Amino acid sequence: MQKCAHLMLSATARFSHGKIHQKVATPGKTMGAAWSSRHFVNHDYRGNGRGVTVRETGHLSAILEEYMAQVESTLKDPVAREGREKCDGSFTDTFYNTYGMTGVVFSIGDTVIGGEFSGNVEEQHGVLSMEGSFDFYLRDEFADPADIGVEIIDPGETIFESIHRPLDNYLRGRTGLPPRGPQRLGVQTGEPYSITDDWSGTLSGQIYLDPARSAYG
C-alpha cells in the first residue's frame, strides 16, 4: 500500500513525518546581543519611533521555533483541505492569528503572525501530490509597556525621585540645607514603534484524496 498520509513544511519541505521547517528569506543584521526588556523600553523613548525587525532584536530564531511549535497542524490542515477542494491546478490560502510569545520574548508578548500559501495540486489514483511556498509575516507594535500611558524607565528610580527625594529636600529646606539636586522623575513618555519581520518556506508531498484515510484536513 502506498504511504501518503504525511505532511511536512520546510525550506525544501515535504508532507512527511509531521515536521515543519522554515527559512528566513533575506538574512538580516542582528545588532549585537539579543535585546533585553530594557533595550525595548529604551528604544521606545530614544528611537524616535523607528521600527525594528525581529531579527534586529536578535529574537527571530526563538520566535520562529515557538511559532512552529504552536502551528504544526493548523498550517497543514487548511492546505490539505484547499488541495482536496481544488484537486487539480493551482490554489492559494491565507492565514493569520495572534500568538502568545510572552514566554519567549516578554516585550513582544502577543503578536500577529500570518501569511499566504501558493501551490499546485494534482490528483492521481486517489492520491494528491502538492507543492508550493509560504510567505510569512509578523506584525507587532511596542507601546506603553506599563499600560498607563507612560513608560516607567526604572520603577526604583520612579519611587525615589517621586517620593523620597521631594520629602528629603523638604526636610533639608526646613533645616536650612540646600536641596540635593533637581528632581528626575523616573517616568517618561515614549513613542511607539513597529516590530516586524518576514520569512518563507516551501512545501511538497502527498496525501490521500479521501480525508477519512488521511491524518490531515
Protein backbone atom coordinates (compact mmCIF):
# COMPACT_ATOMS: atom_id res chain seq x y z
CA MET A 1 0.00 0.00 0.00
CA GLN A 2 1.29 3.41 -0.89
CA LYS A 3 2.03 5.61 2.10
CA CYS A 4 0.89 9.19 1.59
CA ALA A 5 -0.67 10.49 4.79
CA HIS A 6 2.36 12.63 5.60
CA LEU A 7 2.82 16.36 5.91
CA MET A 8 5.94 18.43 6.24
CA LEU A 9 6.91 22.04 5.71
CA SER A 10 10.46 23.23 5.30
CA ALA A 11 12.83 25.27 3.23
CA THR A 12 12.56 22.34 0.80
CA ALA A 13 9.64 20.84 2.65
CA ARG A 14 7.74 17.64 2.13
CA PHE A 15 4.48 16.45 3.60
CA SER A 16 6.38 13.94 5.66
CA HIS A 17 6.63 12.88 9.29
CA GLY A 18 4.70 15.92 10.52
CA LYS A 19 7.82 18.04 10.78
CA ILE A 20 7.75 21.73 9.80
CA HIS A 21 10.75 23.90 8.98
CA GLN A 22 11.02 27.47 7.72
CA LYS A 23 13.72 29.65 6.25
CA VAL A 24 14.43 33.34 6.59
CA ALA A 25 14.08 34.73 3.10
CA THR A 26 16.53 37.63 3.49
CA PRO A 27 19.22 37.40 6.17
CA GLY A 28 19.24 40.50 8.32
CA LYS A 29 21.73 42.16 10.58
CA THR A 30 21.46 41.46 14.30
CA MET A 31 22.65 44.39 16.38
CA GLY A 32 24.89 42.57 18.85
CA ALA A 33 23.36 40.50 21.63
CA ALA A 34 19.64 39.80 21.79
CA TRP A 35 17.65 42.68 23.23
CA SER A 36 16.58 42.61 26.85
CA SER A 37 13.33 44.18 28.05
CA ARG A 38 15.28 47.34 28.88
CA HIS A 39 16.51 47.55 25.27
CA PHE A 40 12.91 47.52 24.04
CA VAL A 41 11.92 50.22 26.52
CA ASN A 42 14.97 52.35 25.77
CA HIS A 43 14.18 52.25 22.06
CA ASP A 44 10.63 53.33 22.88
CA TYR A 45 11.77 56.68 24.27
CA ARG A 46 15.04 57.14 22.41
CA GLY A 47 14.38 55.63 18.99
CA ASN A 48 12.10 58.39 17.67
CA GLY A 49 9.52 55.84 16.59
CA ARG A 50 11.87 53.96 14.23
CA GLY A 51 10.54 50.49 13.54
CA VAL A 52 12.74 47.43 14.05
CA THR A 53 12.76 43.90 12.67
CA VAL A 54 12.60 40.90 14.96
CA ARG A 55 15.97 39.76 13.64
CA GLU A 56 17.44 43.16 14.53
CA THR A 57 16.50 42.45 18.15
CA GLY A 58 18.19 39.05 17.97
CA HIS A 59 15.00 37.07 18.70
CA LEU A 60 13.88 35.80 15.28
CA SER A 61 15.08 32.20 15.70
CA ALA A 62 13.33 31.85 19.06
CA ILE A 63 10.11 33.35 17.69
CA LEU A 64 10.10 31.01 14.67
CA GLU A 65 10.72 27.97 16.84
CA GLU A 66 7.83 28.84 19.16
CA TYR A 67 5.55 29.69 16.25
CA MET A 68 6.20 26.34 14.57
CA ALA A 69 5.53 24.54 17.83
CA GLN A 70 2.11 26.22 18.00
CA VAL A 71 1.00 25.85 14.36
CA GLU A 72 2.28 22.43 13.32
CA SER A 73 -1.16 21.04 12.49
CA THR A 74 -3.06 24.30 11.96
CA LEU A 75 -0.92 25.09 8.92
CA LYS A 76 -1.13 21.62 7.41
CA ASP A 77 -4.86 21.02 7.74
CA PRO A 78 -6.06 24.09 5.76
CA VAL A 79 -3.59 23.34 2.95
CA ALA A 80 -4.86 19.76 2.81
CA ARG A 81 -8.50 20.94 2.68
CA GLU A 82 -7.79 23.51 -0.03
CA GLY A 83 -5.87 20.94 -2.03
CA ARG A 84 -8.74 18.45 -1.88
CA GLU A 85 -11.23 21.11 -2.94
CA LYS A 86 -9.08 22.09 -5.94
CA CYS A 87 -7.99 18.54 -6.73
CA ASP A 88 -6.08 19.64 -9.86
CA GLY A 89 -4.48 23.02 -10.52
CA SER A 90 -3.19 25.96 -8.52
CA PHE A 91 -4.64 27.30 -5.27
CA THR A 92 -3.88 29.78 -2.52
CA ASP A 93 -4.70 30.03 1.16
CA THR A 94 -4.23 32.93 3.56
CA PHE A 95 -3.90 32.71 7.33
CA TYR A 96 -3.21 34.83 10.37
CA ASN A 97 -3.72 34.68 14.10
CA THR A 98 -2.43 36.09 17.37
CA TYR A 99 0.18 34.00 19.15
CA GLY A 100 1.46 34.29 22.69
CA MET A 101 5.20 34.97 22.72
CA THR A 102 5.46 36.37 26.26
CA GLY A 103 7.36 33.31 27.46
CA VAL A 104 9.85 33.67 24.61
CA VAL A 105 10.26 37.45 24.36
CA PHE A 106 8.34 39.26 27.08
CA SER A 107 8.43 42.63 25.30
CA ILE A 108 6.85 41.18 22.15
CA GLY A 109 4.11 39.33 24.02
CA ASP A 110 1.01 38.52 21.97
CA THR A 111 1.77 39.18 18.31
CA VAL A 112 0.12 38.70 14.93
CA ILE A 113 1.70 36.19 12.55
CA GLY A 114 0.15 35.37 9.21
CA GLY A 115 0.89 34.78 5.57
CA GLU A 116 -0.13 33.11 2.35
CA PHE A 117 0.39 29.72 0.78
CA SER A 118 0.56 29.43 -3.03
CA GLY A 119 0.74 25.97 -4.52
CA ASN A 120 -0.30 23.37 -7.03
CA VAL A 121 -2.05 20.06 -6.62
CA GLU A 122 -2.50 17.06 -8.91
CA GLU A 123 -4.72 14.03 -8.28
CA GLN A 124 -3.81 10.56 -9.47
CA HIS A 125 -5.41 7.30 -8.34
CA GLY A 126 -6.85 8.82 -5.19
CA VAL A 127 -3.62 10.49 -4.13
CA LEU A 128 -2.98 14.24 -4.14
CA SER A 129 0.52 15.48 -4.91
CA MET A 130 1.07 19.05 -3.71
CA GLU A 131 3.87 21.58 -3.79
CA GLY A 132 4.08 25.28 -3.09
CA SER A 133 5.53 28.05 -0.97
CA PHE A 134 4.67 30.00 2.16
CA ASP A 135 5.30 33.70 2.73
CA PHE A 136 5.08 34.51 6.44
CA TYR A 137 4.93 37.86 8.21
CA LEU A 138 4.97 39.11 11.80
CA ARG A 139 3.41 42.46 12.70
CA ASP A 140 3.57 43.95 16.18
CA GLU A 141 3.93 47.27 17.96
CA PHE A 142 5.77 48.18 21.12
CA ALA A 143 3.85 50.83 23.04
CA ASP A 144 3.21 51.78 26.67
CA PRO A 145 4.90 48.82 28.44
CA ALA A 146 3.41 49.93 31.77
CA ASP A 147 -0.08 50.17 30.22
CA ILE A 148 -0.67 53.53 31.91
CA GLY A 149 0.08 55.90 29.05
CA VAL A 150 3.71 56.46 30.05
CA GLU A 151 6.82 54.32 30.24
CA ILE A 152 8.31 53.59 33.64
CA ILE A 153 12.00 53.67 32.89
CA ASP A 154 13.08 52.38 36.28
CA PRO A 155 10.49 51.60 38.99
CA GLY A 156 13.06 52.05 41.77
CA GLU A 157 14.10 55.42 40.38
CA THR A 158 10.46 56.41 39.98
CA ILE A 159 9.74 55.76 43.68
CA PHE A 160 12.89 57.57 44.83
CA GLU A 161 12.54 60.61 42.57
CA SER A 162 8.77 60.98 43.00
CA ILE A 163 8.52 60.40 46.75
CA HIS A 164 11.77 60.15 48.68
CA ARG A 165 13.74 62.97 47.03
CA PRO A 166 10.96 65.61 47.39
CA LEU A 167 10.50 64.63 51.05
CA ASP A 168 14.25 64.70 51.68
CA ASN A 169 14.57 68.12 50.02
CA TYR A 170 11.65 69.43 52.06
CA LEU A 171 13.26 68.32 55.32
CA ARG A 172 16.63 69.72 54.24
CA GLY A 173 14.96 73.05 53.48
CA ARG A 174 13.37 73.11 56.94
CA THR A 175 16.86 72.82 58.47
CA GLY A 176 18.45 75.38 56.14
CA LEU A 177 20.30 72.87 53.95
CA PRO A 178 20.26 73.14 50.13
CA PRO A 179 18.39 70.50 48.10
CA ARG A 180 20.36 67.51 46.85
CA GLY A 181 19.72 68.37 43.21
CA PRO A 182 16.97 68.70 40.62
CA GLN A 183 14.22 66.12 40.71
CA ARG A 184 14.49 63.47 37.99
CA LEU A 185 11.24 61.65 37.57
CA GLY A 186 11.68 58.04 36.51
CA VAL A 187 8.64 58.33 34.28
CA GLN A 188 8.87 59.43 30.68
CA THR A 189 6.58 59.40 27.67
CA GLY A 190 7.78 57.37 24.70
CA GLU A 191 6.99 56.91 21.04
CA PRO A 192 5.51 53.58 19.92
CA TYR A 193 7.36 51.70 17.22
CA SER A 194 6.64 48.75 14.95
CA ILE A 195 8.25 45.32 15.29
CA THR A 196 8.01 43.35 12.05
CA ASP A 197 9.64 40.62 10.01
CA ASP A 198 9.12 38.34 7.00
CA TRP A 199 10.33 34.86 6.11
CA SER A 200 9.36 31.98 3.84
CA GLY A 201 9.17 28.22 3.42
CA THR A 202 8.23 25.65 0.80
CA LEU A 203 6.10 22.54 0.81
CA SER A 204 5.77 19.37 -1.25
CA GLY A 205 4.30 15.94 -0.67
CA GLN A 206 1.34 13.62 -0.95
CA ILE A 207 -1.86 12.95 0.96
CA TYR A 208 -4.94 10.83 0.29
CA LEU A 209 -7.80 12.45 -1.57
CA ASP A 210 -10.23 10.74 0.82
CA PRO A 211 -9.99 12.65 4.16
CA ALA A 212 -11.21 9.55 6.01
CA ARG A 213 -7.95 7.85 5.07
CA SER A 214 -5.75 10.86 5.84
CA ALA A 215 -4.28 12.30 9.00
CA TYR A 216 -4.70 15.82 7.61
CA GLY A 217 -7.61 18.12 6.80
